[in-house]
Amino acid sequence: MVLTHCDLEMPEEESILGKINSFKKYGQIDIPLENVIKFKNTKESLIPFIRKIKPAQMHFCENLEEKGEEILKELPNDFQR
């Protein structure tokens, strides 16, 4: 699962395709456009995402706060914006 965000407004399809292409180029992750879920900060807008989740063995991070701090150290400029 790849999660990303837009703070101000819903992105145009061209922007989404650019993001998908950068994941493919830099992360070797090929994400089909039909797997992109747009979320409007409401429970209702998450319904398409929930419908796509398949039952599986889930693993939860025990030290979530430590992992968050680790990510912030790796991407400090990203979160300062």
C-alpha atoms as a PDB file:
ATOM      1  CA  MET A   1       0.000   0.000   0.000  1.00  0.00           C
ATOM      2  CA  VAL A   2       1.261   3.445  -0.875  1.00  0.00           C
ATOM      3  CA  LEU A   3      -0.309   6.469   0.789  1.00  0.00           C
ATOM      4  CA  THR A   4       0.303  10.030  -0.248  1.00  0.00           C
ATOM      5  CA  HIS A   5      -1.595  13.239   0.295  1.00  0.00           C
ATOM      6  CA  CYS A   6      -2.652  16.603  -1.072  1.00  0.00           C
ATOM      7  CA  ASP A   7      -3.279  19.272   1.533  1.00  0.00           C
ATOM      8  CA  LEU A   8      -5.062  21.969  -0.440  1.00  0.00           C
ATOM      9  CA  GLU A   9      -7.228  20.495  -3.198  1.00  0.00           C
ATOM     10  CA  MET A  10      -8.017  17.295  -5.059  1.00  0.00           C
ATOM     11  CA  PRO A  11      -5.231  16.622  -7.585  1.00  0.00           C
ATOM     12  CA  GLU A  12      -5.820  16.595 -11.326  1.00  0.00           C
ATOM     13  CA  GLU A  13      -5.453  13.232 -13.099  1.00  0.00           C
ATOM     14  CA  GLU A  14      -2.238  14.505 -14.736  1.00  0.00           C
ATOM     15  CA  SER A  15      -0.746  15.069 -11.269  1.00  0.00           C
ATOM     16  CA  ILE A  16      -1.792  11.587 -10.145  1.00  0.00           C
ATOM     17  CA  LEU A  17      -0.228  10.034 -13.248  1.00  0.00           C
ATOM     18  CA  GLY A  18       2.984  11.960 -12.530  1.00  0.00           C
ATOM     19  CA  LYS A  19       3.065  10.578  -8.986  1.00  0.00           C
ATOM     20  CA  ILE A  20       2.427   7.038 -10.270  1.00  0.00           C
ATOM     21  CA  ASN A  21       5.259   7.426 -12.789  1.00  0.00           C
ATOM     22  CA  SER A  22       7.667   8.636 -10.095  1.00  0.00           C
ATOM     23  CA  PHE A  23       6.825   5.620  -7.895  1.00  0.00           C
ATOM     24  CA  LYS A  24       7.528   3.402 -10.895  1.00  0.00           C
ATOM     25  CA  LYS A  25      10.762   5.186 -11.832  1.00  0.00           C
ATOM     26  CA  TYR A  26      12.290   5.612  -8.370  1.00  0.00           C
ATOM     27  CA  GLY A  27      10.686   2.838  -6.348  1.00  0.00           C
ATOM     28  CA  GLN A  28      10.035   0.158  -8.980  1.00  0.00           C
ATOM     29  CA  ILE A  29       6.397   0.158  -7.804  1.00  0.00           C
ATOM     30  CA  ASP A  30       3.893  -0.142 -10.645  1.00  0.00           C
ATOM     31  CA  ILE A  31       0.502   1.148  -9.468  1.00  0.00           C
ATOM     32  CA  PRO A  32      -2.432   0.832 -11.877  1.00  0.00           C
ATOM     33  CA  LEU A  33      -4.511   4.032 -12.067  1.00  0.00           C
ATOM     34  CA  GLU A  34      -7.628   2.039 -11.145  1.00  0.00           C
ATOM     35  CA  ASN A  35      -6.000   1.287  -7.769  1.00  0.00           C
ATOM     36  CA  VAL A  36      -5.811   4.977  -6.859  1.00  0.00           C
ATOM     37  CA  ILE A  37      -8.384   5.954  -4.223  1.00  0.00           C
ATOM     38  CA  LYS A  38      -9.177   9.650  -3.796  1.00  0.00           C
ATOM     39  CA  PHE A  39     -10.074  10.541  -0.228  1.00  0.00           C
ATOM     40  CA  LYS A  40     -11.946  13.709   0.784  1.00  0.00           C
ATOM     41  CA  ASN A  41     -11.447  13.475   4.558  1.00  0.00           C
ATOM     42  CA  THR A  42     -14.846  11.852   5.093  1.00  0.00           C
ATOM     43  CA  LYS A  43     -15.834   8.309   6.080  1.00  0.00           C
ATOM     44  CA  GLU A  44     -17.971   8.023   2.950  1.00  0.00           C
ATOM     45  CA  SER A  45     -15.066   8.788   0.626  1.00  0.00           C
ATOM     46  CA  LEU A  46     -13.141   5.833   2.107  1.00  0.00           C
ATOM     47  CA  ILE A  47     -15.780   3.283   1.033  1.00  0.00           C
ATOM     48  CA  PRO A  48     -14.022   2.449  -2.304  1.00  0.00           C
ATOM     49  CA  PHE A  49     -10.778   1.878  -0.375  1.00  0.00           C
ATOM     50  CA  ILE A  50     -12.459  -0.358   2.217  1.00  0.00           C
ATOM     51  CA  ARG A  51     -14.109  -2.421  -0.524  1.00  0.00           C
ATOM     52  CA  LYS A  52     -10.709  -3.127  -2.090  1.00  0.00           C
ATOM     53  CA  ILE A  53      -9.103  -4.376   1.137  1.00  0.00           C
ATOM     54  CA  LYS A  54      -8.749  -8.132   1.064  1.00  0.00           C
ATOM     55  CA  PRO A  55      -8.540 -10.240   4.225  1.00  0.00           C
ATOM     56  CA  ALA A  56      -4.932 -11.019   5.057  1.00  0.00           C
ATOM     57  CA  GLN A  57      -2.504 -11.553   7.889  1.00  0.00           C
ATOM     58  CA  MET A  58      -1.812  -8.084   9.312  1.00  0.00           C
ATOM     59  CA  HIS A  59       1.250  -7.044  11.247  1.00  0.00           C
ATOM     60  CA  PHE A  60       1.101  -3.987  13.449  1.00  0.00           C
ATOM     61  CA  CYS A  61       4.097  -1.940  14.471  1.00  0.00           C
ATOM     62  CA  GLU A  62       4.625  -2.115  18.240  1.00  0.00           C
ATOM     63  CA  ASN A  63       6.720   1.074  18.415  1.00  0.00           C
ATOM     64  CA  LEU A  64       4.720   3.346  16.127  1.00  0.00           C
ATOM     65  CA  GLU A  65       5.986   6.602  17.670  1.00  0.00           C
ATOM     66  CA  GLU A  66       9.626   5.553  17.217  1.00  0.00           C
ATOM     67  CA  LYS A  67       8.957   4.596  13.595  1.00  0.00           C
ATOM     68  CA  GLY A  68       7.261   7.964  13.001  1.00  0.00           C
ATOM     69  CA  GLU A  69      10.286   9.812  14.393  1.00  0.00           C
ATOM     70  CA  GLU A  70      12.555   7.675  12.215  1.00  0.00           C
ATOM     71  CA  ILE A  71      10.566   8.656   9.112  1.00  0.00           C
ATOM     72  CA  LEU A  72      10.617  12.346  10.093  1.00  0.00           C
ATOM     73  CA  LYS A  73      14.420  12.213  10.333  1.00  0.00           C
ATOM     74  CA  GLU A  74      14.642  10.684   6.855  1.00  0.00           C
ATOM     75  CA  LEU A  75      12.211  13.163   5.257  1.00  0.00           C
ATOM     76  CA  PRO A  76      12.558  16.381   7.265  1.00  0.00           C
ATOM     77  CA  ASN A  77      12.071  18.804   4.372  1.00  0.00           C
ATOM     78  CA  ASP A  78       8.946  17.025   3.181  1.00  0.00           C
ATOM     79  CA  PHE A  79       7.103  17.614   6.448  1.00  0.00           C
ATOM     80  CA  GLN A  80       8.366  21.137   7.036  1.00  0.00           C
ATOM     81  CA  ARG A  81       6.292  22.383   4.082  1.00  0.00           C
END
